[in-house]
Amino acid sequence: MNETILERKLSEVPSVIINATAPLGNKKAWAIYIALLQRDEGLRFNQIRELFEAEPPEISRALKALSNAGLIARQARTLDNVGNIEASFYVPTTLGKSLIAALYRGLLPSREDEPEKGMHGEPSGPVRAHTQESPFSTGRITISTPGEAEVHVR
């Protein structure tokens, strides 16, 4: 592939978009990202390591890539814990939540109710659109169908 053409095309996309999506080319980072989206309280490093039965360097690389992309952030529960790696935890950022919501909204087909049937089996009323929910068990991310304007990330 011609490197000059490649760079020219990539320069047409804001670097923040390229940087935010780059870690998602890695399945390990994707899996950790999804795990964090599913937990309101976030996860500590060791919880992530145990959840994925992974070695610390694997988790560290994925967390660093997701953090550098702005999709997750490391936080502390109290001021005493600031800087204490053992007491910190990881949570998705607003960008991280918005990105997954936008992907669901833009890439998944909307689900629609069947139209009401008239006497001869023909549709008699309008097709009603309803909210498409994410597959996350917490239900924190709700995607609206194209006829509706909002994506709710709780």
C-alpha atoms as a PDB file:
ATOM      1  CA  MET A   1       0.000   0.000   0.000  1.00  0.00           C
ATOM      2  CA  ASN A   2       1.299   3.441  -0.870  1.00  0.00           C
ATOM      3  CA  GLU A   3       2.259   5.097   2.430  1.00  0.00           C
ATOM      4  CA  THR A   4       1.749   8.629   1.074  1.00  0.00           C
ATOM      5  CA  ILE A   5      -1.805   7.918  -0.036  1.00  0.00           C
ATOM      6  CA  LEU A   6      -2.497   6.121   3.221  1.00  0.00           C
ATOM      7  CA  GLU A   7      -1.319   9.093   5.283  1.00  0.00           C
ATOM      8  CA  ARG A   8      -3.248  11.551   3.084  1.00  0.00           C
ATOM      9  CA  LYS A   9      -6.484   9.631   3.627  1.00  0.00           C
ATOM     10  CA  LEU A  10      -5.860   9.267   7.353  1.00  0.00           C
ATOM     11  CA  SER A  11      -5.233  13.008   7.623  1.00  0.00           C
ATOM     12  CA  GLU A  12      -8.850  13.569   6.541  1.00  0.00           C
ATOM     13  CA  VAL A  13     -10.072  12.033   9.809  1.00  0.00           C
ATOM     14  CA  PRO A  14      -9.516  13.934  13.064  1.00  0.00           C
ATOM     15  CA  SER A  15      -6.712  12.290  15.028  1.00  0.00           C
ATOM     16  CA  VAL A  16      -8.918  12.082  18.125  1.00  0.00           C
ATOM     17  CA  ILE A  17     -11.180   9.627  16.256  1.00  0.00           C
ATOM     18  CA  ILE A  18      -8.288   7.515  15.034  1.00  0.00           C
ATOM     19  CA  ASN A  19      -6.723   7.499  18.504  1.00  0.00           C
ATOM     20  CA  ALA A  20      -9.991   6.646  20.269  1.00  0.00           C
ATOM     21  CA  THR A  21     -10.732   3.685  18.033  1.00  0.00           C
ATOM     22  CA  ALA A  22      -7.192   2.301  17.683  1.00  0.00           C
ATOM     23  CA  PRO A  23      -7.254   0.110  20.828  1.00  0.00           C
ATOM     24  CA  LEU A  24     -10.466  -1.507  19.649  1.00  0.00           C
ATOM     25  CA  GLY A  25      -8.481  -3.355  17.000  1.00  0.00           C
ATOM     26  CA  ASN A  26      -7.279  -5.517  19.877  1.00  0.00           C
ATOM     27  CA  LYS A  27      -9.694  -8.182  21.197  1.00  0.00           C
ATOM     28  CA  LYS A  28      -8.245  -8.007  24.712  1.00  0.00           C
ATOM     29  CA  ALA A  29      -8.817  -4.255  24.891  1.00  0.00           C
ATOM     30  CA  TRP A  30     -12.348  -4.673  23.491  1.00  0.00           C
ATOM     31  CA  ALA A  31     -13.181  -7.289  26.123  1.00  0.00           C
ATOM     32  CA  ILE A  32     -11.899  -5.133  28.977  1.00  0.00           C
ATOM     33  CA  TYR A  33     -13.741  -2.111  27.574  1.00  0.00           C
ATOM     34  CA  ILE A  34     -17.013  -4.082  27.499  1.00  0.00           C
ATOM     35  CA  ALA A  35     -16.436  -5.411  31.027  1.00  0.00           C
ATOM     36  CA  LEU A  36     -15.971  -1.850  32.281  1.00  0.00           C
ATOM     37  CA  LEU A  37     -19.086  -0.631  30.470  1.00  0.00           C
ATOM     38  CA  GLN A  38     -21.056  -3.303  32.318  1.00  0.00           C
ATOM     39  CA  ARG A  39     -20.017  -2.146  35.793  1.00  0.00           C
ATOM     40  CA  ASP A  40     -21.204   1.148  37.280  1.00  0.00           C
ATOM     41  CA  GLU A  41     -18.696   0.925  40.111  1.00  0.00           C
ATOM     42  CA  GLY A  42     -15.732   0.202  37.839  1.00  0.00           C
ATOM     43  CA  LEU A  43     -13.156  -2.531  38.289  1.00  0.00           C
ATOM     44  CA  ARG A  44      -9.805  -2.651  40.020  1.00  0.00           C
ATOM     45  CA  PHE A  45      -6.769  -3.950  38.183  1.00  0.00           C
ATOM     46  CA  ASN A  46      -6.791  -7.263  40.075  1.00  0.00           C
ATOM     47  CA  GLN A  47     -10.517  -7.719  39.443  1.00  0.00           C
ATOM     48  CA  ILE A  48      -9.878  -7.349  35.714  1.00  0.00           C
ATOM     49  CA  ARG A  49      -6.928  -9.737  35.913  1.00  0.00           C
ATOM     50  CA  GLU A  50      -9.029 -12.334  37.761  1.00  0.00           C
ATOM     51  CA  LEU A  51     -12.031 -11.860  35.467  1.00  0.00           C
ATOM     52  CA  PHE A  52      -9.947 -12.610  32.374  1.00  0.00           C
ATOM     53  CA  GLU A  53      -7.496 -15.012  34.016  1.00  0.00           C
ATOM     54  CA  ALA A  54      -4.723 -12.946  32.475  1.00  0.00           C
ATOM     55  CA  GLU A  55      -1.161 -11.988  33.296  1.00  0.00           C
ATOM     56  CA  PRO A  56      -0.594  -8.424  34.597  1.00  0.00           C
ATOM     57  CA  PRO A  57       1.387  -7.257  31.525  1.00  0.00           C
ATOM     58  CA  GLU A  58      -1.522  -8.176  29.207  1.00  0.00           C
ATOM     59  CA  ILE A  59      -3.984  -6.229  31.332  1.00  0.00           C
ATOM     60  CA  SER A  60      -1.593  -3.291  31.723  1.00  0.00           C
ATOM     61  CA  ARG A  61      -1.103  -2.940  27.956  1.00  0.00           C
ATOM     62  CA  ALA A  62      -4.836  -3.027  27.241  1.00  0.00           C
ATOM     63  CA  LEU A  63      -5.667  -0.581  30.050  1.00  0.00           C
ATOM     64  CA  LYS A  64      -2.933   1.793  28.925  1.00  0.00           C
ATOM     65  CA  ALA A  65      -4.182   1.746  25.315  1.00  0.00           C
ATOM     66  CA  LEU A  66      -7.798   2.316  26.382  1.00  0.00           C
ATOM     67  CA  SER A  67      -6.764   5.064  28.792  1.00  0.00           C
ATOM     68  CA  ASN A  68      -4.539   6.815  26.239  1.00  0.00           C
ATOM     69  CA  ALA A  69      -7.444   6.707  23.786  1.00  0.00           C
ATOM     70  CA  GLY A  70      -9.684   8.426  26.338  1.00  0.00           C
ATOM     71  CA  LEU A  71     -12.136   5.527  26.509  1.00  0.00           C
ATOM     72  CA  ILE A  72     -11.465   4.685  30.167  1.00  0.00           C
ATOM     73  CA  ALA A  73      -9.983   6.473  33.162  1.00  0.00           C
ATOM     74  CA  ARG A  74      -8.356   5.400  36.392  1.00  0.00           C
ATOM     75  CA  GLN A  75     -10.023   6.883  39.463  1.00  0.00           C
ATOM     76  CA  ALA A  76      -9.752   6.771  43.226  1.00  0.00           C
ATOM     77  CA  ARG A  77     -12.705   6.452  45.608  1.00  0.00           C
ATOM     78  CA  THR A  78     -11.248   8.810  48.230  1.00  0.00           C
ATOM     79  CA  LEU A  79      -8.611  11.531  48.309  1.00  0.00           C
ATOM     80  CA  ASP A  80      -6.444   9.253  50.446  1.00  0.00           C
ATOM     81  CA  ASN A  81      -6.357   6.778  47.554  1.00  0.00           C
ATOM     82  CA  VAL A  82      -5.219   9.240  44.860  1.00  0.00           C
ATOM     83  CA  GLY A  83      -1.990   7.868  43.405  1.00  0.00           C
ATOM     84  CA  ASN A  84      -2.445   4.517  45.146  1.00  0.00           C
ATOM     85  CA  ILE A  85      -2.476   2.008  42.300  1.00  0.00           C
ATOM     86  CA  GLU A  86      -3.792  -0.726  44.602  1.00  0.00           C
ATOM     87  CA  ALA A  87      -6.855   1.330  45.549  1.00  0.00           C
ATOM     88  CA  SER A  88      -7.633   2.804  42.141  1.00  0.00           C
ATOM     89  CA  PHE A  89     -10.224   1.459  39.743  1.00  0.00           C
ATOM     90  CA  TYR A  90     -11.055   1.839  36.063  1.00  0.00           C
ATOM     91  CA  VAL A  91     -14.271   3.240  34.594  1.00  0.00           C
ATOM     92  CA  PRO A  92     -15.408   4.175  31.089  1.00  0.00           C
ATOM     93  CA  THR A  93     -15.244   7.884  30.294  1.00  0.00           C
ATOM     94  CA  THR A  94     -18.001   9.933  28.732  1.00  0.00           C
ATOM     95  CA  LEU A  95     -16.229   9.429  25.404  1.00  0.00           C
ATOM     96  CA  GLY A  96     -16.088   5.680  26.013  1.00  0.00           C
ATOM     97  CA  LYS A  97     -19.817   5.508  26.725  1.00  0.00           C
ATOM     98  CA  SER A  98     -20.684   7.784  23.806  1.00  0.00           C
ATOM     99  CA  LEU A  99     -18.565   5.800  21.363  1.00  0.00           C
ATOM    100  CA  ILE A 100     -20.244   2.483  22.123  1.00  0.00           C
ATOM    101  CA  ALA A 101     -23.679   4.128  22.001  1.00  0.00           C
ATOM    102  CA  ALA A 102     -22.889   5.695  18.619  1.00  0.00           C
ATOM    103  CA  LEU A 103     -21.634   2.387  17.257  1.00  0.00           C
ATOM    104  CA  TYR A 104     -24.825   0.618  18.319  1.00  0.00           C
ATOM    105  CA  ARG A 105     -26.980   3.406  16.937  1.00  0.00           C
ATOM    106  CA  GLY A 106     -25.121   3.593  13.638  1.00  0.00           C
ATOM    107  CA  LEU A 107     -24.370  -0.035  12.929  1.00  0.00           C
ATOM    108  CA  LEU A 108     -27.259  -2.110  14.209  1.00  0.00           C
ATOM    109  CA  PRO A 109     -30.532  -2.236  12.337  1.00  0.00           C
ATOM    110  CA  SER A 110     -33.479  -0.831  14.230  1.00  0.00           C
ATOM    111  CA  ARG A 111     -36.155  -3.179  15.431  1.00  0.00           C
ATOM    112  CA  GLU A 112     -39.709  -2.280  14.574  1.00  0.00           C
ATOM    113  CA  ASP A 113     -43.047  -3.588  15.741  1.00  0.00           C
ATOM    114  CA  GLU A 114     -45.132  -5.402  13.205  1.00  0.00           C
ATOM    115  CA  PRO A 115     -47.749  -3.118  11.647  1.00  0.00           C
ATOM    116  CA  GLU A 116     -51.298  -3.668  12.829  1.00  0.00           C
ATOM    117  CA  LYS A 117     -53.241  -5.921  10.460  1.00  0.00           C
ATOM    118  CA  GLY A 118     -56.556  -4.875   8.944  1.00  0.00           C
ATOM    119  CA  MET A 119     -59.455  -7.118   7.916  1.00  0.00           C
ATOM    120  CA  HIS A 120     -57.653  -8.494   4.849  1.00  0.00           C
ATOM    121  CA  GLY A 121     -54.249  -8.929   6.460  1.00  0.00           C
ATOM    122  CA  GLU A 122     -52.930  -5.628   5.119  1.00  0.00           C
ATOM    123  CA  PRO A 123     -51.156  -3.158   7.379  1.00  0.00           C
ATOM    124  CA  SER A 124     -53.710  -0.751   8.792  1.00  0.00           C
ATOM    125  CA  GLY A 125     -51.551   1.495  10.930  1.00  0.00           C
ATOM    126  CA  PRO A 126     -48.082   2.966  10.998  1.00  0.00           C
ATOM    127  CA  VAL A 127     -45.094   0.900  11.984  1.00  0.00           C
ATOM    128  CA  ARG A 128     -44.091   1.951  15.475  1.00  0.00           C
ATOM    129  CA  ALA A 129     -40.398   2.133  16.331  1.00  0.00           C
ATOM    130  CA  HIS A 130     -39.210   1.333  19.814  1.00  0.00           C
ATOM    131  CA  THR A 131     -35.982   1.599  21.749  1.00  0.00           C
ATOM    132  CA  GLN A 132     -33.264  -0.885  20.965  1.00  0.00           C
ATOM    133  CA  GLU A 133     -31.371  -1.886  24.080  1.00  0.00           C
ATOM    134  CA  SER A 134     -27.743  -2.822  24.217  1.00  0.00           C
ATOM    135  CA  PRO A 135     -26.875  -6.373  25.104  1.00  0.00           C
ATOM    136  CA  PHE A 136     -25.285  -5.234  28.342  1.00  0.00           C
ATOM    137  CA  SER A 137     -27.034  -6.841  31.270  1.00  0.00           C
ATOM    138  CA  THR A 138     -27.092  -3.597  33.225  1.00  0.00           C
ATOM    139  CA  GLY A 139     -29.212  -1.892  30.562  1.00  0.00           C
ATOM    140  CA  ARG A 140     -27.233   1.326  31.077  1.00  0.00           C
ATOM    141  CA  ILE A 141     -26.884   1.959  27.357  1.00  0.00           C
ATOM    142  CA  THR A 142     -30.118   2.372  25.456  1.00  0.00           C
ATOM    143  CA  ILE A 143     -30.057   3.043  21.744  1.00  0.00           C
ATOM    144  CA  SER A 144     -32.974   4.763  20.057  1.00  0.00           C
ATOM    145  CA  THR A 145     -34.124   3.782  16.608  1.00  0.00           C
ATOM    146  CA  PRO A 146     -33.410   6.112  13.655  1.00  0.00           C
ATOM    147  CA  GLY A 147     -36.848   7.737  13.989  1.00  0.00           C
ATOM    148  CA  GLU A 148     -35.976   8.845  17.504  1.00  0.00           C
ATOM    149  CA  ALA A 149     -33.311  11.380  18.308  1.00  0.00           C
ATOM    150  CA  GLU A 150     -31.581  10.228  21.463  1.00  0.00           C
ATOM    151  CA  VAL A 151     -29.077   7.711  22.711  1.00  0.00           C
ATOM    152  CA  HIS A 152     -29.209   7.299  26.477  1.00  0.00           C
ATOM    153  CA  VAL A 153     -26.101   6.265  28.346  1.00  0.00           C
ATOM    154  CA  ARG A 154     -26.758   5.940  32.058  1.00  0.00           C
END
